[in-house]
Protein backbone atom coordinates (compact mmCIF):
# COMPACT_ATOMS: atom_id res chain seq x y z
CA MET A 1 -141.15 -234.91 63.75
CA PHE A 2 -138.35 -234.79 61.04
CA LEU A 3 -136.75 -231.55 60.01
CA ASP A 4 -135.80 -231.08 56.45
CA CYS A 5 -132.04 -230.65 55.61
CA TYR A 6 -131.20 -227.10 55.47
CA ALA A 7 -128.77 -227.38 52.70
CA HIS A 8 -131.37 -229.28 50.62
CA GLN A 9 -133.93 -226.49 51.28
CA VAL A 10 -131.43 -223.75 50.29
CA ASN A 11 -130.78 -225.63 46.96
CA LEU A 12 -134.44 -225.80 46.27
CA VAL A 13 -134.85 -222.06 46.87
CA VAL A 14 -131.89 -221.19 44.79
CA GLY A 15 -133.11 -223.51 41.95
CA ASP A 16 -136.49 -221.87 42.01
CA TYR A 17 -134.91 -218.47 41.78
CA PHE A 18 -132.81 -219.34 38.81
CA LYS A 19 -135.72 -220.93 37.03
CA SER A 20 -137.50 -217.46 37.31
CA GLN A 21 -134.47 -215.73 35.75
CA ALA A 22 -134.42 -217.54 32.42
CA SER A 23 -131.74 -215.38 30.86
CA VAL A 24 -129.40 -215.87 33.69
CA LEU A 25 -130.03 -219.66 33.51
CA ASP A 26 -129.32 -219.68 29.82
CA SER A 27 -125.98 -218.02 30.35
CA ALA A 28 -125.14 -220.62 32.95
CA ASP A 29 -126.01 -223.45 30.50
CA ASN A 30 -123.98 -221.78 27.78
CA ALA A 31 -120.99 -221.39 30.11
CA THR A 32 -121.21 -224.96 31.19
CA GLU A 33 -121.26 -225.93 27.58
CA LEU A 34 -118.35 -223.74 26.75
CA ILE A 35 -116.31 -225.05 29.90
CA SER A 36 -117.06 -228.78 28.66
CA TRP A 37 -115.97 -227.98 25.15
CA LEU A 38 -112.77 -226.17 26.25
CA ARG A 39 -111.80 -228.93 28.59
CA SER A 40 -112.14 -231.60 25.70
CA LYS A 41 -109.67 -229.52 23.57
CA THR A 42 -106.14 -230.09 24.85
CA GLN A 43 -104.63 -227.89 22.09
CA ILE A 44 -106.75 -224.97 23.05
CA LEU A 45 -105.99 -225.55 26.77
CA ALA A 46 -102.22 -225.43 25.86
CA SER A 47 -102.80 -222.23 23.76
CA LEU A 48 -104.49 -220.68 26.78
CA ARG A 49 -101.52 -221.47 28.95
CA GLU A 50 -99.07 -220.23 26.34
CA VAL A 51 -100.90 -216.85 25.94
CA GLN A 52 -101.19 -216.33 29.76
CA VAL A 53 -97.50 -216.95 30.14
CA LYS A 54 -96.54 -214.87 27.11
CA TYR A 55 -98.59 -211.85 28.43
CA GLY A 56 -97.30 -212.03 31.91
CA GLU A 57 -100.34 -213.31 33.81
CA ASN A 58 -99.32 -213.58 37.49
CA ALA A 59 -100.86 -217.02 37.87
CA VAL A 60 -101.71 -219.42 35.04
CA LYS A 61 -105.45 -220.12 35.35
CA ALA A 62 -107.07 -223.35 34.28
CA VAL A 63 -110.52 -224.02 33.06
CA ILE A 64 -112.49 -225.62 35.81
CA ARG A 65 -115.72 -227.67 35.71
CA ALA A 66 -118.42 -227.30 38.32
CA VAL A 67 -119.75 -230.24 40.29
CA LEU A 68 -123.49 -230.48 39.62
CA THR A 69 -124.71 -230.33 43.22
CA ARG A 70 -122.42 -227.71 44.49
CA TRP A 71 -123.54 -223.98 44.03
CA THR A 72 -120.16 -222.57 44.99
CA ALA A 73 -118.42 -224.89 42.49
CA HIS A 74 -120.58 -223.27 39.79
CA TYR A 75 -119.77 -219.81 40.97
CA GLN A 76 -116.04 -220.70 40.97
CA ALA A 77 -116.21 -222.22 37.54
CA TYR A 78 -117.97 -219.27 36.03
CA ALA A 79 -115.89 -216.72 37.81
CA ARG A 80 -112.75 -218.55 36.39
CA LEU A 81 -114.29 -218.44 32.90
CA LEU A 82 -114.73 -214.71 33.35
CA ASP A 83 -111.17 -214.35 34.33
CA LEU A 84 -110.13 -216.03 31.17
CA HIS A 85 -112.42 -214.05 28.92
CA SER A 86 -109.57 -211.78 27.42
CA VAL A 87 -107.28 -214.78 27.07
CA LEU A 88 -109.83 -216.78 25.27
CA VAL A 89 -110.59 -213.92 22.84
CA MET A 90 -106.80 -213.61 22.08
CA VAL A 91 -106.46 -217.41 21.55
CA VAL A 92 -109.52 -217.32 19.10
CA ASP A 93 -108.05 -214.22 17.28
CA MET A 94 -104.61 -215.69 17.09
CA ASP A 95 -105.83 -218.94 15.80
CA SER A 96 -107.96 -217.41 13.19
CA ARG A 97 -104.77 -215.69 11.68
CA ARG A 98 -102.98 -219.07 11.23
CA PRO A 99 -103.10 -221.07 8.11
CA GLU A 100 -106.13 -223.36 8.10
CA LYS A 101 -104.02 -226.47 8.52
CA GLU A 102 -102.35 -225.10 11.64
CA ARG A 103 -105.56 -223.97 13.50
CA CYS A 104 -106.43 -225.69 16.79
CA VAL A 105 -109.83 -223.97 17.55
CA ILE A 106 -111.87 -224.62 14.44
CA ALA A 107 -110.60 -228.04 13.37
CA GLY A 108 -111.61 -231.62 12.86
CA ASP A 109 -114.47 -233.07 10.95
CA ALA A 110 -117.66 -231.26 9.92
CA LYS A 111 -119.47 -231.80 13.30
CA ALA A 112 -116.38 -230.68 15.39
CA ARG A 113 -115.99 -227.59 13.10
CA LYS A 114 -119.63 -226.77 13.59
CA LYS A 115 -119.44 -226.91 17.36
CA ALA A 116 -116.18 -224.91 17.44
CA LYS A 117 -117.83 -222.23 15.39
CA ASP A 118 -120.65 -222.06 17.78
CA MET A 119 -118.22 -221.93 20.71
CA VAL A 120 -116.22 -219.18 18.97
CA MET A 121 -119.43 -217.15 18.49
CA LEU A 122 -120.19 -217.58 22.13
CA ILE A 123 -116.66 -216.42 23.17
CA LYS A 124 -117.07 -213.34 21.03
CA ASP A 125 -120.58 -212.60 22.33
CA ASN A 126 -120.55 -209.77 24.75
CA ASN A 127 -124.06 -210.31 25.82
CA PHE A 128 -123.13 -213.75 26.99
CA TRP A 129 -120.20 -212.41 29.10
CA MET A 130 -122.53 -209.73 30.57
CA SER A 131 -125.13 -212.32 31.51
CA LEU A 132 -122.52 -214.51 33.16
CA LEU A 133 -121.31 -211.50 35.05
CA ARG A 134 -124.97 -211.01 36.30
CA TYR A 135 -125.03 -214.64 37.24
CA GLY A 136 -122.05 -214.23 39.34
CA ARG A 137 -123.67 -211.34 41.17
CA TYR A 138 -126.81 -213.56 41.92
CA SER A 139 -124.64 -216.55 43.15
């Protein structure tokens, strides 16, 4: 007789649970997309750091990406994103006040600008942040 791996079984149960909670899963997908986008934009990451230092954050927090097979890593990545919420909003607002040629958030070619506009809308979407907070409670 061969016993199934306990960790594998837990992952299957958690996966089934999140599949039944579609709105929570959507917020997790959006968070993952936002994290990937942020990590690909070094100027935005530098602005995040600058704002955190300027406004006296005790510890400068980085954007972290989850490892696909680790649930705890997802929780930590989304919790960090929630910690950065107010700083992200500040960076987006400060950037929108700059002259267009000096902007770092919505910049680049047409495709990059479209993606950036989608991500800015996500950053400003309170429903997204509330869903992400609920995801943290389920994790």
